[in-house]
Amino acid sequence: MEYITEKNRIYAVEGGEEVGEVTFPERDDIYVINHTYVDDRLRGQGIASELVRRAVETIESRGGKMEATCSYAALWLARNRGCDSY
């Protein structure tokens, strides 16, 4: 699995095909994790978790603040960061 980072998006590629993504546009100095997707045939393999983890690390490396409007990302943050107020 290859993960490619763009300005406000990280996506996963397998066999030359895009199989997942997370998007985090910036709005008023806050990055909003608003979408996480993984191809149905690859769900349950930790890809979504890896995408969100990479998004969080990217946002933090930029010194940004974040919030999650994507339900998966909000749950991930609550479970992995112990905070439900992102």
Protein backbone atom coordinates (compact mmCIF):
# COMPACT_ATOMS: atom_id res chain seq x y z
CA MET A 1 0.00 0.00 0.00
CA GLU A 2 1.33 3.41 -0.93
CA TYR A 3 0.11 6.58 0.77
CA ILE A 4 0.39 9.86 -1.08
CA THR A 5 0.09 13.21 0.65
CA GLU A 6 -1.21 16.30 -1.10
CA LYS A 7 -1.92 19.70 0.41
CA ASN A 8 -5.25 18.81 2.02
CA ARG A 9 -5.67 15.18 1.07
CA ILE A 10 -3.97 11.84 1.63
CA TYR A 11 -4.86 8.87 -0.49
CA ALA A 12 -3.99 5.21 -0.62
CA VAL A 13 -2.97 3.41 -3.79
CA GLU A 14 -2.75 -0.33 -4.33
CA GLY A 15 -1.89 -1.89 -7.66
CA GLY A 16 -2.04 1.49 -9.35
CA GLU A 17 -5.61 2.06 -8.18
CA GLU A 18 -6.77 4.62 -5.62
CA VAL A 19 -8.45 2.66 -2.86
CA GLY A 20 -8.93 5.19 -0.05
CA GLU A 21 -8.65 8.81 0.94
CA VAL A 22 -8.99 11.33 3.71
CA THR A 23 -9.55 15.03 3.09
CA PHE A 24 -8.88 17.92 5.46
CA PRO A 25 -9.50 21.36 3.94
CA GLU A 26 -8.35 24.39 5.89
CA ARG A 27 -10.97 26.89 7.02
CA ASP A 28 -10.15 29.90 9.20
CA ASP A 29 -6.86 28.38 10.43
CA ILE A 30 -8.55 25.09 11.31
CA TYR A 31 -8.17 21.90 9.30
CA VAL A 32 -11.48 20.09 9.01
CA ILE A 33 -11.21 16.33 8.54
CA ASN A 34 -14.40 16.02 6.57
CA HIS A 35 -14.19 12.79 4.60
CA THR A 36 -12.68 9.34 4.92
CA TYR A 37 -13.23 6.63 2.33
CA VAL A 38 -11.92 3.11 1.76
CA ASP A 39 -12.95 0.82 -1.10
CA ASP A 40 -15.51 -1.71 0.13
CA ARG A 41 -13.35 -4.72 -0.67
CA LEU A 42 -10.53 -3.45 1.59
CA ARG A 43 -12.53 -2.34 4.62
CA GLY A 44 -11.58 -3.75 7.99
CA GLN A 45 -7.86 -3.80 7.22
CA GLY A 46 -6.89 -0.61 9.08
CA ILE A 47 -6.57 1.59 6.00
CA ALA A 48 -9.00 4.25 7.22
CA SER A 49 -7.21 4.38 10.56
CA GLU A 50 -3.87 4.81 8.82
CA LEU A 51 -5.27 7.58 6.61
CA VAL A 52 -6.65 9.51 9.59
CA ARG A 53 -3.44 8.98 11.58
CA ARG A 54 -1.42 10.40 8.72
CA ALA A 55 -3.82 13.34 8.36
CA VAL A 56 -3.51 14.15 12.06
CA GLU A 57 0.29 13.96 11.89
CA THR A 58 0.32 16.19 8.81
CA ILE A 59 -1.93 18.78 10.44
CA GLU A 60 0.13 18.75 13.63
CA SER A 61 3.38 19.08 11.68
CA ARG A 62 1.95 22.25 10.15
CA GLY A 63 1.10 23.59 13.59
CA GLY A 64 -2.58 23.47 12.71
CA LYS A 65 -5.66 22.97 14.78
CA MET A 66 -8.23 20.44 13.68
CA GLU A 67 -11.80 19.36 13.95
CA ALA A 68 -13.57 16.37 12.50
CA THR A 69 -16.93 16.49 10.78
CA CYS A 70 -16.39 13.01 9.36
CA SER A 71 -17.94 10.54 11.81
CA TYR A 72 -15.12 8.01 11.36
CA ALA A 73 -12.41 10.61 12.01
CA ALA A 74 -14.28 11.95 15.06
CA LEU A 75 -14.49 8.44 16.51
CA TRP A 76 -10.82 7.80 15.69
CA LEU A 77 -9.79 10.98 17.50
CA ALA A 78 -11.90 10.09 20.53
CA ARG A 79 -10.40 6.60 20.73
CA ASN A 80 -6.81 7.45 19.91
CA ARG A 81 -6.44 10.93 21.33
CA GLY A 82 -8.89 10.72 24.22
CA CYS A 83 -10.72 13.81 23.12
CA ASP A 84 -14.19 14.20 21.71
CA SER A 85 -14.06 17.94 21.14
CA TYR A 86 -12.05 18.12 17.93
